[in-house]
Amino acid sequence: MAEHLGFSFLNTGAMYRASALAALQAGIPLDDGPAVAALLESHTFGFTPENGVTLDGRDVTGLIAAPGIGEAASIISAESRVRAFLVKLQRLFSRDRNTVAEGRDMGTVVFPDAFLKVYVVADAPVRARRRLKELKSGDMGETVRHVLRRDRRDRFRQDSPLRVPPGAFWLDGTQMTLEEQVEAVLTRYAMLETRS
């Protein structure tokens, strides 16, 4: 979407995974929200031109794809102080620039007044298959279990739980290719533009 529209891309999931990596490397318990948040304040986050993520200027895109980092990111994302810190960075990133942002609280918490909100769903086995293809390795059964654990944790966390944003365009991508999903969202975007 960002490429098609010429917008900046904000990968918030990568920010949480980079944060989890920093906590793991520092030996801080993932469920110690205040300690993780304090640690993150001493780091800088950024993105590479290829939509990778940097931590203190170092490209950590490959490191955050490692097994276990996604689970660690899901754990720290439940911590209110961690979320507050990263939400502030996400809003700063998008200030004065058109942005396509992905993340489970983009339309409800981070950008509640976004021009277009899209709520994308897909069956767990399909999402697990896509994740394995992205990682180029892993176990299907464990990946499905991870997807379901993350969904449950995100839906029931106290701070910024996973919810459908008001007015969101609901897109079930289970049977759709990436190109078909992009085309559906671009069509929705164009329709909203003609109304505004």
N, C-alpha and C. Protein backbone atom coordinates (compact mmCIF):
# COMPACT_ATOMS: atom_id res chain seq x y z
N MET A 1 0.83 -1.20 0.00
CA MET A 1 0.00 0.00 0.00
C MET A 1 0.86 1.25 0.00
N ALA A 2 1.87 1.25 0.85
CA ALA A 2 2.74 2.43 0.93
C ALA A 2 3.44 2.67 -0.40
N GLU A 3 3.90 1.61 -1.03
CA GLU A 3 4.57 1.76 -2.33
C GLU A 3 3.61 2.30 -3.38
N HIS A 4 2.41 1.77 -3.42
CA HIS A 4 1.42 2.20 -4.41
C HIS A 4 1.05 3.67 -4.22
N LEU A 5 0.93 4.11 -2.96
CA LEU A 5 0.48 5.47 -2.68
C LEU A 5 1.63 6.47 -2.54
N GLY A 6 2.86 5.98 -2.47
CA GLY A 6 4.00 6.87 -2.26
C GLY A 6 4.07 7.39 -0.84
N PHE A 7 3.56 6.59 0.12
CA PHE A 7 3.54 6.98 1.53
C PHE A 7 4.71 6.32 2.26
N SER A 8 4.99 6.80 3.46
CA SER A 8 5.94 6.13 4.34
C SER A 8 5.26 4.90 4.94
N PHE A 9 6.06 3.91 5.31
CA PHE A 9 5.53 2.69 5.91
C PHE A 9 6.02 2.56 7.33
N LEU A 10 5.09 2.32 8.25
CA LEU A 10 5.41 2.16 9.67
C LEU A 10 5.09 0.73 10.09
N ASN A 11 6.13 -0.05 10.35
CA ASN A 11 5.98 -1.45 10.75
C ASN A 11 6.08 -1.50 12.28
N THR A 12 4.95 -1.39 12.94
CA THR A 12 4.97 -1.35 14.40
C THR A 12 5.32 -2.70 15.01
N GLY A 13 4.97 -3.79 14.31
CA GLY A 13 5.34 -5.10 14.82
C GLY A 13 6.84 -5.25 14.91
N ALA A 14 7.55 -4.70 13.92
CA ALA A 14 9.01 -4.75 13.95
C ALA A 14 9.56 -3.95 15.13
N MET A 15 8.88 -2.85 15.48
CA MET A 15 9.32 -2.06 16.64
C MET A 15 9.21 -2.88 17.92
N TYR A 16 8.10 -3.61 18.07
CA TYR A 16 7.93 -4.44 19.27
C TYR A 16 8.94 -5.58 19.29
N ARG A 17 9.22 -6.17 18.12
CA ARG A 17 10.19 -7.25 18.08
C ARG A 17 11.60 -6.74 18.39
N ALA A 18 11.94 -5.55 17.88
CA ALA A 18 13.24 -4.96 18.19
C ALA A 18 13.34 -4.63 19.68
N SER A 19 12.23 -4.19 20.27
CA SER A 19 12.20 -3.91 21.70
C SER A 19 12.41 -5.18 22.51
N ALA A 20 11.76 -6.26 22.07
CA ALA A 20 11.93 -7.55 22.75
C ALA A 20 13.38 -8.02 22.64
N LEU A 21 13.98 -7.83 21.48
CA LEU A 21 15.38 -8.20 21.28
C LEU A 21 16.27 -7.43 22.25
N ALA A 22 16.04 -6.12 22.38
CA ALA A 22 16.83 -5.31 23.31
C ALA A 22 16.70 -5.81 24.73
N ALA A 23 15.46 -6.16 25.15
CA ALA A 23 15.23 -6.66 26.51
C ALA A 23 15.93 -8.00 26.72
N LEU A 24 15.83 -8.90 25.74
CA LEU A 24 16.48 -10.21 25.85
C LEU A 24 17.99 -10.06 25.93
N GLN A 25 18.54 -9.18 25.09
CA GLN A 25 20.00 -8.99 25.10
C GLN A 25 20.48 -8.37 26.41
N ALA A 26 19.62 -7.56 27.04
CA ALA A 26 19.99 -6.94 28.32
C ALA A 26 19.69 -7.83 29.52
N GLY A 27 19.01 -8.97 29.26
CA GLY A 27 18.69 -9.89 30.36
C GLY A 27 17.57 -9.40 31.26
N ILE A 28 16.70 -8.54 30.74
CA ILE A 28 15.58 -8.01 31.53
C ILE A 28 14.37 -8.92 31.36
N PRO A 29 13.69 -9.29 32.45
CA PRO A 29 12.49 -10.12 32.33
C PRO A 29 11.45 -9.43 31.45
N LEU A 30 10.88 -10.17 30.50
CA LEU A 30 9.96 -9.58 29.54
C LEU A 30 8.69 -9.04 30.18
N ASP A 31 8.31 -9.59 31.33
CA ASP A 31 7.08 -9.12 31.97
C ASP A 31 7.32 -8.01 33.00
N ASP A 32 8.54 -7.48 33.03
CA ASP A 32 8.85 -6.35 33.92
C ASP A 32 8.70 -5.06 33.11
N GLY A 33 7.46 -4.61 32.96
CA GLY A 33 7.15 -3.45 32.13
C GLY A 33 7.97 -2.22 32.41
N PRO A 34 8.06 -1.78 33.68
CA PRO A 34 8.85 -0.58 33.98
C PRO A 34 10.31 -0.70 33.57
N ALA A 35 10.91 -1.89 33.81
CA ALA A 35 12.32 -2.07 33.47
C ALA A 35 12.51 -2.09 31.96
N VAL A 36 11.61 -2.74 31.23
CA VAL A 36 11.72 -2.78 29.77
C VAL A 36 11.54 -1.38 29.20
N ALA A 37 10.53 -0.65 29.71
CA ALA A 37 10.30 0.72 29.22
C ALA A 37 11.50 1.61 29.48
N ALA A 38 12.10 1.49 30.67
CA ALA A 38 13.29 2.29 31.00
C ALA A 38 14.44 1.95 30.06
N LEU A 39 14.59 0.67 29.75
CA LEU A 39 15.63 0.25 28.82
C LEU A 39 15.41 0.86 27.44
N LEU A 40 14.17 0.82 26.97
CA LEU A 40 13.88 1.30 25.62
C LEU A 40 14.17 2.79 25.47
N GLU A 41 14.03 3.55 26.56
CA GLU A 41 14.31 4.98 26.49
C GLU A 41 15.78 5.27 26.22
N SER A 42 16.63 4.26 26.43
CA SER A 42 18.06 4.46 26.17
C SER A 42 18.46 4.00 24.77
N HIS A 43 17.48 3.55 23.98
CA HIS A 43 17.74 3.08 22.62
C HIS A 43 17.03 3.96 21.60
N THR A 44 17.50 3.91 20.36
CA THR A 44 16.83 4.60 19.26
C THR A 44 16.37 3.56 18.24
N PHE A 45 15.22 3.82 17.65
CA PHE A 45 14.64 2.92 16.66
C PHE A 45 14.53 3.64 15.33
N GLY A 46 14.67 2.90 14.26
CA GLY A 46 14.52 3.48 12.94
C GLY A 46 14.20 2.40 11.93
N PHE A 47 14.09 2.81 10.67
CA PHE A 47 13.76 1.87 9.60
C PHE A 47 14.75 2.04 8.46
N THR A 48 15.04 0.94 7.79
CA THR A 48 15.92 0.97 6.63
C THR A 48 15.08 1.30 5.40
N PRO A 49 15.71 1.70 4.30
CA PRO A 49 14.95 1.99 3.07
C PRO A 49 14.17 0.77 2.56
N GLU A 50 14.58 -0.43 2.95
CA GLU A 50 13.90 -1.65 2.51
C GLU A 50 12.84 -2.09 3.51
N ASN A 51 12.44 -1.20 4.44
CA ASN A 51 11.43 -1.48 5.46
C ASN A 51 11.92 -2.45 6.54
N GLY A 52 13.23 -2.55 6.69
CA GLY A 52 13.78 -3.27 7.83
C GLY A 52 13.79 -2.34 9.04
N VAL A 53 14.22 -2.85 10.18
CA VAL A 53 14.23 -2.04 11.39
C VAL A 53 15.64 -1.93 11.94
N THR A 54 15.94 -0.76 12.53
CA THR A 54 17.25 -0.56 13.14
C THR A 54 17.09 -0.30 14.64
N LEU A 55 18.09 -0.72 15.38
CA LEU A 55 18.16 -0.48 16.81
C LEU A 55 19.50 0.18 17.05
N ASP A 56 19.47 1.43 17.50
CA ASP A 56 20.69 2.22 17.70
C ASP A 56 21.52 2.29 16.42
N GLY A 57 20.83 2.41 15.28
CA GLY A 57 21.48 2.56 13.99
C GLY A 57 21.94 1.25 13.36
N ARG A 58 21.78 0.14 14.06
CA ARG A 58 22.21 -1.16 13.54
C ARG A 58 21.01 -1.90 12.99
N ASP A 59 21.13 -2.42 11.78
CA ASP A 59 20.04 -3.17 11.15
C ASP A 59 19.86 -4.50 11.88
N VAL A 60 18.69 -4.68 12.52
CA VAL A 60 18.42 -5.91 13.27
C VAL A 60 17.28 -6.72 12.63
N THR A 61 16.99 -6.42 11.37
CA THR A 61 15.88 -7.08 10.68
C THR A 61 16.01 -8.60 10.72
N GLY A 62 17.20 -9.11 10.45
CA GLY A 62 17.41 -10.56 10.49
C GLY A 62 17.29 -11.12 11.88
N LEU A 63 17.80 -10.40 12.87
CA LEU A 63 17.77 -10.89 14.25
C LEU A 63 16.35 -10.99 14.80
N ILE A 64 15.48 -10.05 14.43
CA ILE A 64 14.13 -10.07 15.00
C ILE A 64 13.23 -11.09 14.32
N ALA A 65 13.74 -11.74 13.27
CA ALA A 65 12.99 -12.82 12.62
C ALA A 65 13.28 -14.17 13.28
N ALA A 66 14.17 -14.18 14.27
CA ALA A 66 14.56 -15.43 14.91
C ALA A 66 13.39 -16.04 15.69
N PRO A 67 13.35 -17.37 15.78
CA PRO A 67 12.29 -18.03 16.57
C PRO A 67 12.29 -17.51 18.00
N GLY A 68 11.13 -17.28 18.53
CA GLY A 68 11.01 -16.83 19.91
C GLY A 68 10.88 -15.32 20.06
N ILE A 69 11.36 -14.56 19.08
CA ILE A 69 11.29 -13.11 19.19
C ILE A 69 9.83 -12.64 19.08
N GLY A 70 9.07 -13.28 18.20
CA GLY A 70 7.65 -12.92 18.07
C GLY A 70 6.89 -13.13 19.36
N GLU A 71 7.15 -14.25 20.01
CA GLU A 71 6.50 -14.55 21.29
C GLU A 71 6.93 -13.53 22.35
N ALA A 72 8.22 -13.21 22.37
CA ALA A 72 8.74 -12.22 23.33
C ALA A 72 8.11 -10.86 23.08
N ALA A 73 7.94 -10.49 21.81
CA ALA A 73 7.32 -9.21 21.47
C ALA A 73 5.88 -9.17 21.94
N SER A 74 5.18 -10.29 21.82
CA SER A 74 3.79 -10.35 22.27
C SER A 74 3.70 -10.16 23.78
N ILE A 75 4.68 -10.69 24.51
CA ILE A 75 4.68 -10.54 25.97
C ILE A 75 4.91 -9.09 26.37
N ILE A 76 5.93 -8.44 25.78
CA ILE A 76 6.20 -7.06 26.19
C ILE A 76 5.12 -6.11 25.71
N SER A 77 4.41 -6.48 24.63
CA SER A 77 3.38 -5.58 24.11
C SER A 77 2.19 -5.47 25.05
N ALA A 78 2.09 -6.39 26.01
CA ALA A 78 1.00 -6.32 26.99
C ALA A 78 1.32 -5.34 28.12
N GLU A 79 2.55 -4.85 28.17
CA GLU A 79 2.97 -3.94 29.24
C GLU A 79 2.65 -2.49 28.90
N SER A 80 1.87 -1.84 29.74
CA SER A 80 1.36 -0.50 29.46
C SER A 80 2.46 0.53 29.22
N ARG A 81 3.53 0.50 30.03
CA ARG A 81 4.59 1.51 29.88
C ARG A 81 5.35 1.31 28.57
N VAL A 82 5.52 0.07 28.18
CA VAL A 82 6.18 -0.22 26.91
C VAL A 82 5.31 0.30 25.77
N ARG A 83 4.01 0.02 25.83
CA ARG A 83 3.10 0.47 24.78
C ARG A 83 3.09 2.00 24.70
N ALA A 84 3.03 2.66 25.84
CA ALA A 84 2.98 4.12 25.86
C ALA A 84 4.22 4.71 25.19
N PHE A 85 5.38 4.13 25.49
CA PHE A 85 6.63 4.63 24.90
C PHE A 85 6.62 4.44 23.39
N LEU A 86 6.25 3.25 22.93
CA LEU A 86 6.28 2.98 21.50
C LEU A 86 5.19 3.72 20.74
N VAL A 87 4.02 3.91 21.35
CA VAL A 87 2.97 4.70 20.70
C VAL A 87 3.45 6.13 20.46
N LYS A 88 4.16 6.68 21.43
CA LYS A 88 4.70 8.03 21.26
C LYS A 88 5.65 8.08 20.06
N LEU A 89 6.52 7.08 19.93
CA LEU A 89 7.44 7.02 18.79
C LEU A 89 6.69 6.85 17.47
N GLN A 90 5.64 6.04 17.48
CA GLN A 90 4.87 5.81 16.26
C GLN A 90 4.18 7.08 15.79
N ARG A 91 3.66 7.86 16.73
CA ARG A 91 3.01 9.12 16.35
C ARG A 91 4.04 10.13 15.86
N LEU A 92 5.21 10.13 16.46
CA LEU A 92 6.27 11.03 15.99
C LEU A 92 6.69 10.67 14.57
N PHE A 93 6.78 9.38 14.30
CA PHE A 93 7.18 8.92 12.97
C PHE A 93 6.23 9.45 11.90
N SER A 94 4.95 9.44 12.19
CA SER A 94 3.95 9.79 11.17
C SER A 94 3.64 11.29 11.11
N ARG A 95 4.22 12.05 12.02
CA ARG A 95 3.94 13.49 12.03
C ARG A 95 4.41 14.13 10.72
N ASP A 96 3.52 14.89 10.10
CA ASP A 96 3.83 15.63 8.86
C ASP A 96 4.21 14.74 7.69
N ARG A 97 3.75 13.48 7.68
CA ARG A 97 3.98 12.63 6.51
C ARG A 97 2.82 11.65 6.37
N ASN A 98 2.45 11.40 5.14
CA ASN A 98 1.43 10.39 4.88
C ASN A 98 2.02 9.02 5.19
N THR A 99 1.29 8.23 5.95
CA THR A 99 1.83 6.98 6.46
C THR A 99 0.84 5.84 6.32
N VAL A 100 1.35 4.70 5.93
CA VAL A 100 0.62 3.43 6.05
C VAL A 100 1.23 2.73 7.25
N ALA A 101 0.41 2.46 8.26
CA ALA A 101 0.90 1.83 9.49
C ALA A 101 0.22 0.49 9.68
N GLU A 102 0.99 -0.51 10.08
CA GLU A 102 0.39 -1.81 10.40
C GLU A 102 0.57 -2.07 11.89
N GLY A 103 -0.44 -2.68 12.48
CA GLY A 103 -0.36 -2.99 13.89
C GLY A 103 -1.75 -3.23 14.44
N ARG A 104 -1.80 -3.90 15.58
CA ARG A 104 -3.08 -4.34 16.11
C ARG A 104 -3.86 -3.26 16.85
N ASP A 105 -3.25 -2.11 17.09
CA ASP A 105 -3.99 -1.03 17.75
C ASP A 105 -3.91 0.28 16.96
N MET A 106 -3.56 0.19 15.68
CA MET A 106 -3.39 1.40 14.88
C MET A 106 -4.68 2.22 14.79
N GLY A 107 -5.78 1.58 14.46
CA GLY A 107 -7.03 2.31 14.26
C GLY A 107 -7.80 2.61 15.53
N THR A 108 -7.46 1.92 16.61
CA THR A 108 -8.19 2.14 17.86
C THR A 108 -7.46 3.07 18.83
N VAL A 109 -6.12 3.00 18.85
CA VAL A 109 -5.35 3.75 19.85
C VAL A 109 -4.38 4.74 19.23
N VAL A 110 -3.52 4.25 18.34
CA VAL A 110 -2.42 5.10 17.84
C VAL A 110 -2.92 6.17 16.90
N PHE A 111 -3.75 5.78 15.92
CA PHE A 111 -4.27 6.73 14.94
C PHE A 111 -5.80 6.58 14.83
N PRO A 112 -6.52 6.95 15.88
CA PRO A 112 -7.98 6.77 15.86
C PRO A 112 -8.68 7.63 14.81
N ASP A 113 -8.02 8.68 14.33
CA ASP A 113 -8.63 9.55 13.31
C ASP A 113 -8.06 9.30 11.92
N ALA A 114 -7.51 8.12 11.69
CA ALA A 114 -6.92 7.80 10.39
C ALA A 114 -7.94 7.93 9.27
N PHE A 115 -7.46 8.33 8.11
CA PHE A 115 -8.33 8.51 6.94
C PHE A 115 -8.98 7.19 6.55
N LEU A 116 -8.20 6.11 6.59
CA LEU A 116 -8.72 4.77 6.26
C LEU A 116 -8.18 3.79 7.29
N LYS A 117 -9.08 3.02 7.88
CA LYS A 117 -8.70 1.95 8.80
C LYS A 117 -9.10 0.63 8.14
N VAL A 118 -8.17 -0.32 8.14
CA VAL A 118 -8.44 -1.63 7.56
C VAL A 118 -8.21 -2.69 8.63
N TYR A 119 -9.20 -3.53 8.82
CA TYR A 119 -9.08 -4.63 9.78
C TYR A 119 -8.96 -5.91 8.97
N VAL A 120 -7.75 -6.48 8.96
CA VAL A 120 -7.48 -7.65 8.13
C VAL A 120 -7.52 -8.91 8.99
N VAL A 121 -8.26 -9.90 8.52
CA VAL A 121 -8.33 -11.19 9.21
C VAL A 121 -7.96 -12.30 8.23
N ALA A 122 -7.55 -13.44 8.77
CA ALA A 122 -7.30 -14.65 7.99
C ALA A 122 -7.28 -15.81 8.97
N ASP A 123 -7.62 -16.99 8.49
CA ASP A 123 -7.61 -18.18 9.34
C ASP A 123 -6.21 -18.42 9.88
N ALA A 124 -6.14 -18.96 11.11
CA ALA A 124 -4.86 -19.18 11.77
C ALA A 124 -3.90 -20.05 10.96
N PRO A 125 -4.33 -21.18 10.38
CA PRO A 125 -3.37 -21.98 9.60
C PRO A 125 -2.81 -21.22 8.39
N VAL A 126 -3.64 -20.39 7.77
CA VAL A 126 -3.17 -19.60 6.63
C VAL A 126 -2.14 -18.59 7.10
N ARG A 127 -2.40 -17.92 8.21
CA ARG A 127 -1.44 -16.95 8.75
C ARG A 127 -0.14 -17.64 9.16
N ALA A 128 -0.25 -18.84 9.73
CA ALA A 128 0.94 -19.59 10.13
C ALA A 128 1.77 -19.96 8.89
N ARG A 129 1.10 -20.41 7.83
CA ARG A 129 1.81 -20.76 6.60
C ARG A 129 2.54 -19.55 6.03
N ARG A 130 1.87 -18.40 6.05
CA ARG A 130 2.50 -17.18 5.53
C ARG A 130 3.69 -16.77 6.39
N ARG A 131 3.56 -16.96 7.70
CA ARG A 131 4.66 -16.62 8.61
C ARG A 131 5.87 -17.54 8.36
N LEU A 132 5.60 -18.83 8.18
CA LEU A 132 6.69 -19.76 7.90
C LEU A 132 7.39 -19.44 6.59
N LYS A 133 6.61 -19.02 5.60
CA LYS A 133 7.19 -18.64 4.31
C LYS A 133 8.10 -17.42 4.48
N GLU A 134 7.65 -16.49 5.32
CA GLU A 134 8.44 -15.28 5.59
C GLU A 134 9.73 -15.63 6.32
N LEU A 135 9.64 -16.53 7.31
CA LEU A 135 10.81 -16.91 8.10
C LEU A 135 11.70 -17.93 7.40
N LYS A 136 11.13 -18.63 6.42
CA LYS A 136 11.85 -19.65 5.65
C LYS A 136 12.23 -20.87 6.49
N SER A 137 11.61 -21.03 7.66
CA SER A 137 11.85 -22.21 8.49
C SER A 137 10.83 -22.23 9.62
N GLY A 138 10.78 -23.36 10.34
CA GLY A 138 9.89 -23.46 11.49
C GLY A 138 8.96 -24.65 11.38
N ASP A 139 8.20 -24.87 12.46
CA ASP A 139 7.27 -25.98 12.56
C ASP A 139 5.84 -25.47 12.43
N MET A 140 5.06 -26.08 11.55
CA MET A 140 3.69 -25.61 11.30
C MET A 140 2.83 -25.66 12.55
N GLY A 141 2.86 -26.77 13.26
CA GLY A 141 2.02 -26.91 14.46
C GLY A 141 2.35 -25.86 15.51
N GLU A 142 3.64 -25.65 15.76
CA GLU A 142 4.05 -24.67 16.76
C GLU A 142 3.71 -23.26 16.30
N THR A 143 3.83 -23.00 15.02
CA THR A 143 3.52 -21.66 14.50
C THR A 143 2.03 -21.37 14.62
N VAL A 144 1.18 -22.35 14.36
CA VAL A 144 -0.27 -22.16 14.55
C VAL A 144 -0.56 -21.88 16.02
N ARG A 145 0.06 -22.64 16.92
CA ARG A 145 -0.15 -22.42 18.36
C ARG A 145 0.31 -21.03 18.77
N HIS A 146 1.44 -20.58 18.21
CA HIS A 146 1.92 -19.22 18.51
C HIS A 146 0.93 -18.16 18.04
N VAL A 147 0.39 -18.34 16.83
CA VAL A 147 -0.58 -17.39 16.29
C VAL A 147 -1.80 -17.31 17.20
N LEU A 148 -2.30 -18.45 17.65
CA LEU A 148 -3.49 -18.47 18.51
C LEU A 148 -3.20 -17.89 19.89
N ARG A 149 -1.99 -18.19 20.45
CA ARG A 149 -1.61 -17.62 21.76
C ARG A 149 -1.52 -16.10 21.66
N ARG A 150 -0.91 -15.62 20.59
CA ARG A 150 -0.77 -14.18 20.41
C ARG A 150 -2.14 -13.51 20.27
N ASP A 151 -3.01 -14.12 19.49
CA ASP A 151 -4.36 -13.56 19.34
C ASP A 151 -5.05 -13.44 20.69
N ARG A 152 -4.98 -14.52 21.48
CA ARG A 152 -5.64 -14.52 22.78
C ARG A 152 -5.03 -13.45 23.70
N ARG A 153 -3.70 -13.39 23.74
CA ARG A 153 -3.02 -12.41 24.60
C ARG A 153 -3.40 -10.99 24.18
N ASP A 154 -3.44 -10.74 22.87
CA ASP A 154 -3.74 -9.39 22.38
C ASP A 154 -5.20 -9.01 22.59
N ARG A 155 -6.10 -9.97 22.49
CA ARG A 155 -7.52 -9.66 22.70
C ARG A 155 -7.85 -9.36 24.15
N PHE A 156 -7.13 -10.01 25.07
CA PHE A 156 -7.48 -9.90 26.48
C PHE A 156 -6.50 -9.08 27.31
N ARG A 157 -5.50 -8.45 26.65
CA ARG A 157 -4.60 -7.61 27.44
C ARG A 157 -5.37 -6.40 27.94
N GLN A 158 -4.93 -5.86 29.06
CA GLN A 158 -5.63 -4.74 29.69
C GLN A 158 -5.46 -3.45 28.89
N ASP A 159 -4.26 -3.23 28.38
CA ASP A 159 -3.96 -1.98 27.67
C ASP A 159 -4.06 -2.21 26.16
N SER A 160 -4.87 -1.42 25.48
CA SER A 160 -5.00 -1.44 24.02
C SER A 160 -5.30 -2.83 23.47
N PRO A 161 -6.36 -3.49 23.95
CA PRO A 161 -6.66 -4.82 23.42
C PRO A 161 -7.04 -4.77 21.95
N LEU A 162 -6.85 -5.89 21.29
CA LEU A 162 -7.19 -6.02 19.87
C LEU A 162 -8.71 -5.88 19.71
N ARG A 163 -9.11 -4.86 18.96
CA ARG A 163 -10.53 -4.59 18.70
C ARG A 163 -10.66 -4.12 17.26
N VAL A 164 -11.87 -4.27 16.71
CA VAL A 164 -12.14 -3.74 15.38
C VAL A 164 -12.35 -2.23 15.53
N PRO A 165 -11.57 -1.40 14.83
CA PRO A 165 -11.74 0.05 14.94
C PRO A 165 -13.10 0.49 14.38
N PRO A 166 -13.72 1.48 15.00
CA PRO A 166 -14.97 2.01 14.45
C PRO A 166 -14.77 2.48 13.01
N GLY A 167 -15.67 2.09 12.14
CA GLY A 167 -15.61 2.52 10.75
C GLY A 167 -14.58 1.81 9.90
N ALA A 168 -13.99 0.73 10.42
CA ALA A 168 -12.93 0.04 9.68
C ALA A 168 -13.49 -0.74 8.49
N PHE A 169 -12.69 -0.83 7.44
CA PHE A 169 -12.95 -1.67 6.29
C PHE A 169 -12.47 -3.07 6.66
N TRP A 170 -13.39 -4.02 6.74
CA TRP A 170 -13.07 -5.39 7.15
C TRP A 170 -12.64 -6.17 5.93
N LEU A 171 -11.45 -6.80 6.00
CA LEU A 171 -10.92 -7.55 4.86
C LEU A 171 -10.51 -8.94 5.30
N ASP A 172 -11.19 -9.96 4.80
CA ASP A 172 -10.82 -11.35 5.07
C ASP A 172 -9.88 -11.81 3.97
N GLY A 173 -8.60 -11.92 4.31
CA GLY A 173 -7.59 -12.27 3.33
C GLY A 173 -7.28 -13.75 3.24
N THR A 174 -8.10 -14.58 3.88
CA THR A 174 -7.82 -16.02 3.92
C THR A 174 -7.61 -16.60 2.54
N GLN A 175 -8.51 -16.29 1.61
CA GLN A 175 -8.45 -16.88 0.28
C GLN A 175 -7.89 -15.91 -0.77
N MET A 176 -7.35 -14.78 -0.32
CA MET A 176 -6.87 -13.75 -1.25
C MET A 176 -5.36 -13.74 -1.34
N THR A 177 -4.85 -13.44 -2.53
CA THR A 177 -3.41 -13.23 -2.68
C THR A 177 -3.08 -11.84 -2.11
N LEU A 178 -1.80 -11.59 -1.92
CA LEU A 178 -1.37 -10.26 -1.47
C LEU A 178 -1.83 -9.19 -2.45
N GLU A 179 -1.68 -9.47 -3.74
CA GLU A 179 -2.07 -8.49 -4.76
C GLU A 179 -3.56 -8.20 -4.70
N GLU A 180 -4.38 -9.21 -4.47
CA GLU A 180 -5.83 -9.02 -4.38
C GLU A 180 -6.19 -8.19 -3.15
N GLN A 181 -5.48 -8.42 -2.05
CA GLN A 181 -5.74 -7.63 -0.84
C GLN A 181 -5.38 -6.16 -1.06
N VAL A 182 -4.22 -5.94 -1.69
CA VAL A 182 -3.79 -4.56 -1.96
C VAL A 182 -4.81 -3.87 -2.87
N GLU A 183 -5.26 -4.57 -3.89
CA GLU A 183 -6.23 -3.99 -4.82
C GLU A 183 -7.53 -3.64 -4.11
N ALA A 184 -7.97 -4.49 -3.19
CA ALA A 184 -9.21 -4.23 -2.45
C ALA A 184 -9.07 -2.98 -1.59
N VAL A 185 -7.91 -2.82 -0.95
CA VAL A 185 -7.71 -1.65 -0.08
C VAL A 185 -7.54 -0.39 -0.92
N LEU A 186 -6.83 -0.49 -2.03
CA LEU A 186 -6.68 0.67 -2.92
C LEU A 186 -8.04 1.13 -3.44
N THR A 187 -8.90 0.19 -3.76
CA THR A 187 -10.26 0.53 -4.23
C THR A 187 -11.02 1.26 -3.14
N ARG A 188 -10.91 0.76 -1.91
CA ARG A 188 -11.58 1.42 -0.78
C ARG A 188 -11.03 2.83 -0.57
N TYR A 189 -9.69 2.95 -0.66
CA TYR A 189 -9.04 4.25 -0.47
C TYR A 189 -9.54 5.25 -1.54
N ALA A 190 -9.57 4.80 -2.79
CA ALA A 190 -10.02 5.67 -3.87
C ALA A 190 -11.47 6.11 -3.67
N MET A 191 -12.30 5.19 -3.18
CA MET A 191 -13.70 5.53 -2.92
C MET A 191 -13.81 6.61 -1.84
N LEU A 192 -13.02 6.48 -0.78
CA LEU A 192 -13.05 7.48 0.29
C LEU A 192 -12.52 8.84 -0.21
N GLU A 193 -11.49 8.79 -1.06
CA GLU A 193 -10.94 10.04 -1.60
C GLU A 193 -11.97 10.80 -2.43
N THR A 194 -12.76 10.09 -3.20
CA THR A 194 -13.77 10.78 -4.03
C THR A 194 -14.87 11.40 -3.18
N ARG A 195 -15.09 10.86 -1.99
CA ARG A 195 -16.11 11.40 -1.09
C ARG A 195 -15.61 12.62 -0.33
N SER A 196 -14.30 12.72 -0.14
CA SER A 196 -13.77 13.79 0.72
C SER A 196 -13.52 15.06 -0.06
